[in-house]
Amino acid sequence: MSALKGLRILDLTLTLPGPYCTQVLADFGAEVIKIENPEGGDWFRHEEPAIKGLGLRFLDLNRNKKSLTLNLKTPAGKEIFFALARSSQVVVEGFRPGVVERLGIDYSRVKEVNSQMVYCSISGYGQDGPYRLLAGHDINYLGYSGILDLVGYEDRPPSLPSVPIADYSAGGLMAAVGILLALMAVQRTGQGQFVDISMLDGVMGFQHAPLAEYLATGAAPERGKFWLAGNIPCYALYETQDGKAITVGPLEPHFWANLCRALEREDFIDHQRAEGEKGQEVYNFLKKTFRQKTRDEWVAFFHGQDVCLGPVKNMGETLEDPQIRHRQMIVDVEHPQAGQLKQIGIPIKLSETPGKITSLAPSLGQHTKEILQELGYSAEAIEGFRREKVI
């Protein structure tokens, strides 16, 4: 049995944050109906990188879902939407604030037909506040949050992390958590509620370490000088002989002592966080030492020595990493059009009700007829919807 079996979610979202949220829930058995515009649908469907015209990001974010095409600007489209809302528990949307109100499918209207509905809105800045109507993407939310100011090297402009942190973690995952919390409340109170997810709020929730530094010193942490940015010898990246790099992170004293003993420099044990000349001496020694072997030689050398050290791998290497493969975080799937693909696996491991990949991303409108028939629409009515471009 799946953990979320019996849960029906109407997914109005596009691109990344919302689809990631609903995929997390779909992987554990929720029935996710992805509602798309009949004229093209989610633009990630054909966005590069693609194989045979199929956007790979779309394929990776929309497995285990059904696709229903529906023109929500038409009266018939709204009628179908509300018919589905009566038998669903969750709606997720990711438009800018005000869009669903103009369409007439916002929470205030949906709860009139289903008082137990959990209605989640994912936006960049939230449903209220001075920024609520601003356009934005991951880069903008990270910039406002102060995170970008800390990423990179001293005396150089900020760097981008290359992974959309706000979209995935601050948007998609926070939304999934919010939905599950609201569903728990429904079980206790019988009442649904509105879930307001702001990606800026989400990334602010990751700022505990920089905030602590600021409160302790009265000064904002500086790029390249904050300890999490690698400015202390025991938490840094080091280049190796082959031009690759290793991650060195023995923050706890016993891990640091193990590193020093392994490198035959027990005199450094008491200087883990030394500053000034001594700190530079420790750092210079490690920098010089780690350039004497290749990355993989160092990983092998420290294996089993309890040091908190590892390789910096590229994506190709990560795909074949034995731990990642063992944990099924990269899985091989066979798509009917795209052929054999690698996809990200399911990161949450439940012992009794594990997540499963039961179907791959649907084609546009693949389940439209099936869903409408379940609602009681006749073949003639469905054909009429097609002619009128409702579906």
Protein backbone atom coordinates (compact mmCIF):
# COMPACT_ATOMS: atom_id res chain seq x y z
CA MET A 1 0.00 0.00 0.00
CA SER A 2 1.19 3.52 -0.79
CA ALA A 3 1.39 6.17 1.92
CA LEU A 4 -0.81 8.66 0.02
CA LYS A 5 -3.18 6.26 -1.74
CA GLY A 6 -6.61 7.82 -2.10
CA LEU A 7 -5.29 11.39 -2.14
CA ARG A 8 -6.27 13.29 -5.29
CA ILE A 9 -4.35 16.43 -6.21
CA LEU A 10 -5.27 18.90 -8.93
CA ASP A 11 -1.98 20.29 -10.19
CA LEU A 12 -2.17 23.62 -12.03
CA THR A 13 1.56 24.27 -11.86
CA LEU A 14 4.16 24.65 -14.60
CA THR A 15 7.94 24.33 -14.97
CA LEU A 16 9.76 23.42 -11.74
CA PRO A 17 8.67 24.27 -8.15
CA GLY A 18 5.07 23.04 -8.34
CA PRO A 19 5.77 19.95 -10.47
CA TYR A 20 8.55 18.96 -8.05
CA CYS A 21 6.15 19.33 -5.12
CA THR A 22 3.46 17.19 -6.73
CA GLN A 23 5.97 14.59 -7.93
CA VAL A 24 7.18 14.09 -4.35
CA LEU A 25 3.56 13.35 -3.41
CA ALA A 26 2.85 11.30 -6.54
CA ASP A 27 5.86 9.07 -5.84
CA PHE A 28 4.07 8.00 -2.65
CA GLY A 29 0.78 7.16 -4.28
CA ALA A 30 -1.14 10.42 -4.58
CA GLU A 31 -3.24 10.65 -7.74
CA VAL A 32 -1.92 13.82 -9.35
CA ILE A 33 -3.96 15.23 -12.22
CA LYS A 34 -1.80 17.72 -14.09
CA ILE A 35 -4.17 20.26 -15.63
CA GLU A 36 -2.66 21.89 -18.72
CA ASN A 37 -3.71 24.34 -21.38
CA PRO A 38 -4.75 22.41 -24.52
CA GLU A 39 -2.49 24.66 -26.61
CA GLY A 40 0.93 23.32 -25.71
CA GLY A 41 0.67 22.62 -21.99
CA ASP A 42 3.63 22.97 -19.66
CA TRP A 43 6.38 24.68 -21.68
CA PHE A 44 8.97 22.38 -20.07
CA ARG A 45 7.49 19.65 -22.30
CA HIS A 46 9.64 20.77 -25.22
CA GLU A 47 12.28 22.90 -23.52
CA GLU A 48 15.94 22.03 -24.12
CA PRO A 49 17.72 19.88 -23.18
CA ALA A 50 15.49 17.43 -25.00
CA ILE A 51 15.52 13.98 -26.61
CA LYS A 52 13.32 13.50 -29.68
CA GLY A 53 11.59 16.77 -28.85
CA LEU A 54 10.77 15.73 -25.29
CA GLY A 55 12.10 18.04 -22.59
CA LEU A 56 14.20 16.02 -20.18
CA ARG A 57 13.35 18.22 -17.21
CA PHE A 58 9.66 17.68 -17.89
CA LEU A 59 10.16 13.92 -18.05
CA ASP A 60 12.07 13.98 -14.77
CA LEU A 61 9.52 16.13 -12.89
CA ASN A 62 6.21 14.64 -14.00
CA ARG A 63 6.33 10.90 -13.55
CA ASN A 64 3.47 9.15 -11.76
CA LYS A 65 1.00 11.82 -12.95
CA LYS A 66 -2.02 12.04 -15.23
CA SER A 67 -2.45 14.79 -17.81
CA LEU A 68 -5.78 16.53 -18.39
CA THR A 69 -6.04 19.34 -20.93
CA LEU A 70 -8.48 22.02 -19.86
CA ASN A 71 -9.09 25.60 -20.94
CA LEU A 72 -9.87 27.27 -17.64
CA LYS A 73 -10.89 30.50 -19.36
CA THR A 74 -14.07 28.84 -20.66
CA PRO A 75 -17.25 28.25 -18.61
CA ALA A 76 -17.18 24.55 -19.49
CA GLY A 77 -13.54 24.31 -18.43
CA LYS A 78 -14.39 25.83 -15.06
CA GLU A 79 -17.34 23.46 -14.71
CA ILE A 80 -15.05 20.47 -15.20
CA PHE A 81 -12.50 21.90 -12.77
CA PHE A 82 -15.07 22.36 -10.01
CA ALA A 83 -16.49 18.89 -10.67
CA LEU A 84 -13.00 17.53 -10.03
CA ALA A 85 -12.53 19.77 -7.00
CA ARG A 86 -15.53 18.17 -5.32
CA SER A 87 -13.78 14.80 -5.31
CA SER A 88 -10.22 16.04 -4.67
CA GLN A 89 -8.36 16.93 -1.49
CA VAL A 90 -5.64 19.27 -2.77
CA VAL A 91 -5.18 22.00 -5.37
CA VAL A 92 -1.68 23.30 -6.15
CA GLU A 93 -1.09 26.40 -8.28
CA GLY A 94 2.01 28.41 -9.07
CA PHE A 95 0.76 31.53 -10.83
CA ARG A 96 1.53 35.09 -9.82
CA PRO A 97 -0.84 36.36 -7.10
CA GLY A 98 -4.18 37.41 -8.58
CA VAL A 99 -4.24 35.07 -11.59
CA VAL A 100 -6.43 32.34 -10.08
CA GLU A 101 -8.80 35.05 -8.77
CA ARG A 102 -9.19 36.40 -12.30
CA LEU A 103 -9.80 32.88 -13.58
CA GLY A 104 -12.42 32.35 -10.89
CA ILE A 105 -10.76 29.24 -9.42
CA ASP A 106 -9.14 30.69 -6.29
CA TYR A 107 -9.39 29.23 -2.79
CA SER A 108 -12.43 31.29 -1.79
CA ARG A 109 -14.42 29.79 -4.66
CA VAL A 110 -13.05 26.26 -4.36
CA LYS A 111 -13.86 25.98 -0.66
CA GLU A 112 -17.50 26.77 -1.48
CA VAL A 113 -17.74 23.39 -3.23
CA ASN A 114 -15.30 21.54 -0.94
CA SER A 115 -14.80 22.91 2.57
CA GLN A 116 -12.06 20.35 3.27
CA MET A 117 -9.90 21.44 0.35
CA VAL A 118 -6.22 22.14 0.96
CA TYR A 119 -5.33 24.85 -1.56
CA CYS A 120 -1.61 25.57 -1.98
CA SER A 121 -0.27 28.61 -3.83
CA ILE A 122 3.45 28.71 -4.65
CA SER A 123 4.87 32.10 -5.62
CA GLY A 124 8.14 33.96 -5.52
CA TYR A 125 7.34 36.42 -2.75
CA GLY A 126 4.06 35.23 -1.23
CA GLN A 127 0.46 36.36 -1.50
CA ASP A 128 0.98 39.62 0.39
CA GLY A 129 3.67 42.23 1.00
CA PRO A 130 5.29 44.89 -1.22
CA TYR A 131 6.92 42.34 -3.56
CA ARG A 132 3.88 40.09 -4.09
CA LEU A 133 3.41 41.03 -7.76
CA LEU A 134 7.08 41.08 -8.76
CA ALA A 135 8.22 38.64 -11.42
CA GLY A 136 11.06 36.43 -10.31
CA HIS A 137 13.14 33.30 -10.64
CA ASP A 138 15.50 31.38 -8.39
CA ILE A 139 18.33 33.88 -8.88
CA ASN A 140 16.13 36.74 -7.66
CA TYR A 141 14.93 35.00 -4.50
CA LEU A 142 18.49 34.01 -3.58
CA GLY A 143 19.58 37.59 -4.15
CA TYR A 144 16.95 39.09 -1.88
CA SER A 145 17.64 36.48 0.81
CA GLY A 146 21.31 37.39 1.23
CA ILE A 147 22.46 33.89 0.28
CA LEU A 148 24.03 34.96 -3.02
CA ASP A 149 26.12 37.59 -1.25
CA LEU A 150 27.89 34.76 0.59
CA VAL A 151 28.55 32.48 -2.40
CA GLY A 152 31.90 32.89 -4.13
CA TYR A 153 35.37 34.24 -3.42
CA GLU A 154 36.55 37.31 -1.58
CA ASP A 155 36.97 40.41 -3.77
CA ARG A 156 35.00 38.80 -6.61
CA PRO A 157 31.32 39.11 -7.58
CA PRO A 158 28.85 36.59 -6.13
CA SER A 159 28.60 33.18 -7.81
CA LEU A 160 25.48 31.24 -8.72
CA PRO A 161 25.14 27.77 -7.16
CA SER A 162 24.09 26.15 -10.50
CA VAL A 163 21.23 24.31 -8.77
CA PRO A 164 17.86 26.10 -8.33
CA ILE A 165 17.80 25.91 -4.55
CA ALA A 166 14.79 28.16 -4.12
CA ASP A 167 12.71 26.32 -6.72
CA TYR A 168 13.35 22.85 -5.35
CA SER A 169 13.82 23.22 -1.60
CA ALA A 170 12.21 26.55 -0.75
CA GLY A 171 9.36 26.11 -3.20
CA GLY A 172 8.66 22.48 -4.03
CA LEU A 173 9.64 20.81 -0.77
CA MET A 174 8.17 23.52 1.47
CA ALA A 175 4.91 23.22 -0.47
CA ALA A 176 4.85 19.44 -0.02
CA VAL A 177 5.42 19.83 3.72
CA GLY A 178 2.76 22.54 3.96
CA ILE A 179 0.22 20.40 2.12
CA LEU A 180 0.85 17.39 4.35
CA LEU A 181 0.54 19.57 7.48
CA ALA A 182 -2.75 20.98 6.25
CA LEU A 183 -4.04 17.48 5.45
CA MET A 184 -3.21 16.41 9.01
CA ALA A 185 -5.24 19.37 10.24
CA VAL A 186 -8.18 18.31 8.05
CA GLN A 187 -8.17 14.93 9.78
CA ARG A 188 -8.43 16.64 13.16
CA THR A 189 -10.71 19.58 12.40
CA GLY A 190 -12.60 18.59 9.25
CA GLN A 191 -11.66 21.95 7.77
CA GLY A 192 -9.42 22.69 4.79
CA GLN A 193 -7.15 25.71 4.54
CA PHE A 194 -5.01 27.89 2.31
CA VAL A 195 -1.26 27.16 2.14
CA ASP A 196 0.80 30.21 1.12
CA ILE A 197 4.32 29.25 0.00
CA SER A 198 6.84 31.98 -0.82
CA MET A 199 10.17 30.89 -2.25
CA LEU A 200 11.81 33.93 -0.64
CA ASP A 201 10.37 32.84 2.71
CA GLY A 202 11.72 29.37 2.08
CA VAL A 203 15.31 30.41 1.42
CA MET A 204 15.18 32.75 4.42
CA GLY A 205 14.44 29.61 6.41
CA PHE A 206 17.91 28.30 5.45
CA GLN A 207 19.76 31.30 6.90
CA HIS A 208 20.29 30.16 10.49
CA ALA A 209 24.11 30.00 10.31
CA PRO A 210 24.67 33.44 8.70
CA LEU A 211 22.11 34.99 11.04
CA ALA A 212 23.88 33.56 14.08
CA GLU A 213 27.17 35.03 12.81
CA TYR A 214 25.54 38.42 12.31
CA LEU A 215 23.93 38.43 15.75
CA ALA A 216 27.18 37.39 17.42
CA THR A 217 29.42 39.95 15.71
CA GLY A 218 27.08 42.75 14.72
CA ALA A 219 28.46 42.61 11.17
CA ALA A 220 27.18 40.85 8.08
CA PRO A 221 29.28 37.81 7.10
CA GLU A 222 31.51 38.65 4.14
CA ARG A 223 31.79 36.64 0.97
CA GLY A 224 34.77 34.31 1.13
CA LYS A 225 35.38 35.06 4.81
CA PHE A 226 32.50 33.14 6.34
CA TRP A 227 33.57 29.77 7.72
CA LEU A 228 31.00 27.89 5.61
CA ALA A 229 32.60 29.44 2.51
CA GLY A 230 35.86 27.58 3.12
CA ASN A 231 37.95 30.19 4.89
CA ILE A 232 39.05 27.80 7.65
CA PRO A 233 41.41 24.88 6.95
CA CYS A 234 39.06 22.28 8.44
CA TYR A 235 36.19 23.16 6.09
CA ALA A 236 37.49 23.81 2.60
CA LEU A 237 38.06 22.52 -0.92
CA TYR A 238 41.58 21.50 -1.90
CA GLU A 239 42.98 20.96 -5.37
CA THR A 240 44.67 17.63 -6.03
CA GLN A 241 47.53 16.55 -8.27
CA ASP A 242 45.25 15.76 -11.21
CA GLY A 243 43.53 19.16 -11.19
CA LYS A 244 40.45 17.80 -9.44
CA ALA A 245 39.40 18.57 -5.88
CA ILE A 246 38.49 17.02 -2.56
CA THR A 247 36.12 18.19 0.15
CA VAL A 248 37.68 18.42 3.60
CA GLY A 249 35.21 19.00 6.44
CA PRO A 250 36.41 17.67 9.83
CA LEU A 251 34.67 20.32 11.92
CA GLU A 252 34.49 18.24 15.09
CA PRO A 253 37.78 18.08 17.04
CA HIS A 254 38.02 14.28 16.92
CA PHE A 255 37.64 14.22 13.13
CA TRP A 256 40.26 16.97 12.82
CA ALA A 257 42.63 15.02 15.09
CA ASN A 258 42.21 11.96 12.86
CA LEU A 259 43.16 14.03 9.81
CA CYS A 260 46.24 15.49 11.50
CA ARG A 261 47.44 12.06 12.65
CA ALA A 262 46.91 10.57 9.18
CA LEU A 263 49.07 13.35 7.70
CA GLU A 264 51.64 13.01 10.50
CA ARG A 265 51.07 16.55 11.74
CA GLU A 266 49.81 16.02 15.27
CA ASP A 267 51.21 19.45 16.11
CA PHE A 268 48.25 20.92 14.20
CA ILE A 269 45.61 19.21 16.36
CA ASP A 270 45.28 22.20 18.68
CA HIS A 271 45.13 24.67 15.79
CA GLN A 272 41.95 23.55 14.05
CA ARG A 273 40.49 27.05 13.85
CA ALA A 274 43.65 29.07 14.18
CA GLU A 275 43.72 32.51 12.59
CA GLY A 276 46.57 34.76 11.53
CA GLU A 277 49.98 33.25 10.81
CA LYS A 278 49.25 29.88 12.38
CA GLY A 279 46.00 29.51 10.50
CA GLN A 280 47.78 30.34 7.25
CA GLU A 281 50.52 27.84 8.07
CA VAL A 282 47.97 25.05 8.53
CA TYR A 283 46.12 25.99 5.36
CA ASN A 284 49.32 26.22 3.28
CA PHE A 285 50.44 22.80 4.51
CA LEU A 286 47.14 21.18 3.56
CA LYS A 287 47.09 22.96 0.22
CA LYS A 288 50.62 21.77 -0.62
CA THR A 289 50.06 18.26 0.73
CA PHE A 290 46.84 17.58 -1.15
CA ARG A 291 48.55 18.49 -4.42
CA GLN A 292 50.88 15.52 -4.00
CA LYS A 293 48.32 12.83 -4.85
CA THR A 294 45.34 12.53 -7.17
CA ARG A 295 41.81 13.00 -5.95
CA ASP A 296 41.02 9.30 -5.96
CA GLU A 297 44.31 8.43 -4.27
CA TRP A 298 43.44 10.75 -1.39
CA VAL A 299 39.94 9.32 -1.09
CA ALA A 300 41.44 5.82 -0.93
CA PHE A 301 44.12 6.95 1.53
CA PHE A 302 41.57 8.33 3.99
CA HIS A 303 39.00 5.55 3.54
CA GLY A 304 37.95 4.26 6.95
CA GLN A 305 39.95 6.87 8.88
CA ASP A 306 36.88 8.80 10.07
CA VAL A 307 37.93 12.16 8.69
CA CYS A 308 34.97 13.71 6.77
CA LEU A 309 36.74 13.84 3.41
CA GLY A 310 35.40 13.09 -0.05
CA PRO A 311 35.77 13.76 -3.77
CA VAL A 312 34.29 16.56 -5.83
CA LYS A 313 32.63 14.58 -8.62
CA ASN A 314 31.20 15.73 -11.92
CA MET A 315 27.74 14.65 -13.04
CA GLY A 316 29.00 11.76 -15.15
CA GLU A 317 30.89 10.33 -12.19
CA THR A 318 27.97 10.88 -9.84
CA LEU A 319 25.65 8.86 -12.09
CA GLU A 320 27.86 5.82 -11.57
CA ASP A 321 28.71 6.38 -7.91
CA PRO A 322 28.25 3.06 -6.04
CA GLN A 323 26.54 4.62 -3.01
CA ILE A 324 24.11 6.61 -5.14
CA ARG A 325 23.38 3.55 -7.26
CA HIS A 326 22.96 1.35 -4.20
CA ARG A 327 20.43 3.80 -2.76
CA GLN A 328 18.65 3.91 -6.14
CA MET A 329 19.03 7.67 -6.42
CA ILE A 330 19.78 7.24 -10.11
CA VAL A 331 17.43 4.82 -11.81
CA ASP A 332 17.17 3.57 -15.38
CA VAL A 333 13.75 3.86 -17.02
CA GLU A 334 12.43 3.06 -20.49
CA HIS A 335 10.33 5.81 -22.05
CA PRO A 336 8.14 4.79 -25.03
CA GLN A 337 9.34 7.75 -27.12
CA ALA A 338 12.63 8.93 -25.62
CA GLY A 339 14.02 5.43 -25.01
CA GLN A 340 16.24 4.51 -22.09
CA LEU A 341 16.77 7.36 -19.64
CA LYS A 342 18.34 7.96 -16.28
CA GLN A 343 16.17 9.70 -13.71
CA ILE A 344 16.58 10.93 -10.17
CA GLY A 345 15.27 8.33 -7.74
CA ILE A 346 13.15 8.78 -4.63
CA PRO A 347 15.13 10.36 -1.77
CA ILE A 348 12.65 9.55 1.03
CA LYS A 349 12.92 5.90 2.10
CA LEU A 350 9.91 4.52 3.99
CA SER A 351 10.18 0.99 5.34
CA GLU A 352 6.51 -0.03 5.04
CA THR A 353 5.04 2.24 2.35
CA PRO A 354 7.95 3.10 0.05
CA GLY A 355 7.68 5.39 -2.92
CA LYS A 356 7.51 3.84 -6.38
CA ILE A 357 7.85 4.89 -10.00
CA THR A 358 4.69 3.41 -11.49
CA SER A 359 4.42 5.49 -14.67
CA LEU A 360 6.51 7.95 -16.66
CA ALA A 361 5.57 11.51 -17.58
CA PRO A 362 2.31 11.55 -19.55
CA SER A 363 1.80 12.96 -23.01
CA LEU A 364 -0.29 16.12 -23.23
CA GLY A 365 -3.91 15.25 -22.47
CA GLN A 366 -3.17 11.53 -22.23
CA HIS A 367 -5.80 10.97 -19.53
CA THR A 368 -8.38 13.59 -20.55
CA LYS A 369 -10.97 11.15 -21.88
CA GLU A 370 -10.53 8.76 -18.95
CA ILE A 371 -10.96 11.51 -16.34
CA LEU A 372 -13.99 13.06 -18.03
CA GLN A 373 -15.66 9.67 -18.35
CA GLU A 374 -15.12 9.12 -14.62
CA LEU A 375 -16.92 12.41 -14.03
CA GLY A 376 -19.88 11.09 -16.01
CA TYR A 377 -19.44 12.97 -19.29
CA SER A 378 -20.64 11.10 -22.37
CA ALA A 379 -18.57 10.46 -25.48
CA GLU A 380 -20.69 13.06 -27.29
CA ALA A 381 -20.06 15.67 -24.60
CA ILE A 382 -16.33 14.99 -24.65
CA GLU A 383 -16.22 15.35 -28.42
CA GLY A 384 -18.10 18.63 -28.07
CA PHE A 385 -15.50 19.87 -25.60
CA ARG A 386 -12.79 19.09 -28.16
CA ARG A 387 -14.58 20.99 -30.92
CA GLU A 388 -15.07 23.98 -28.65
CA LYS A 389 -11.39 23.82 -27.54
CA VAL A 390 -12.34 23.30 -23.92
CA ILE A 391 -10.00 20.29 -23.78
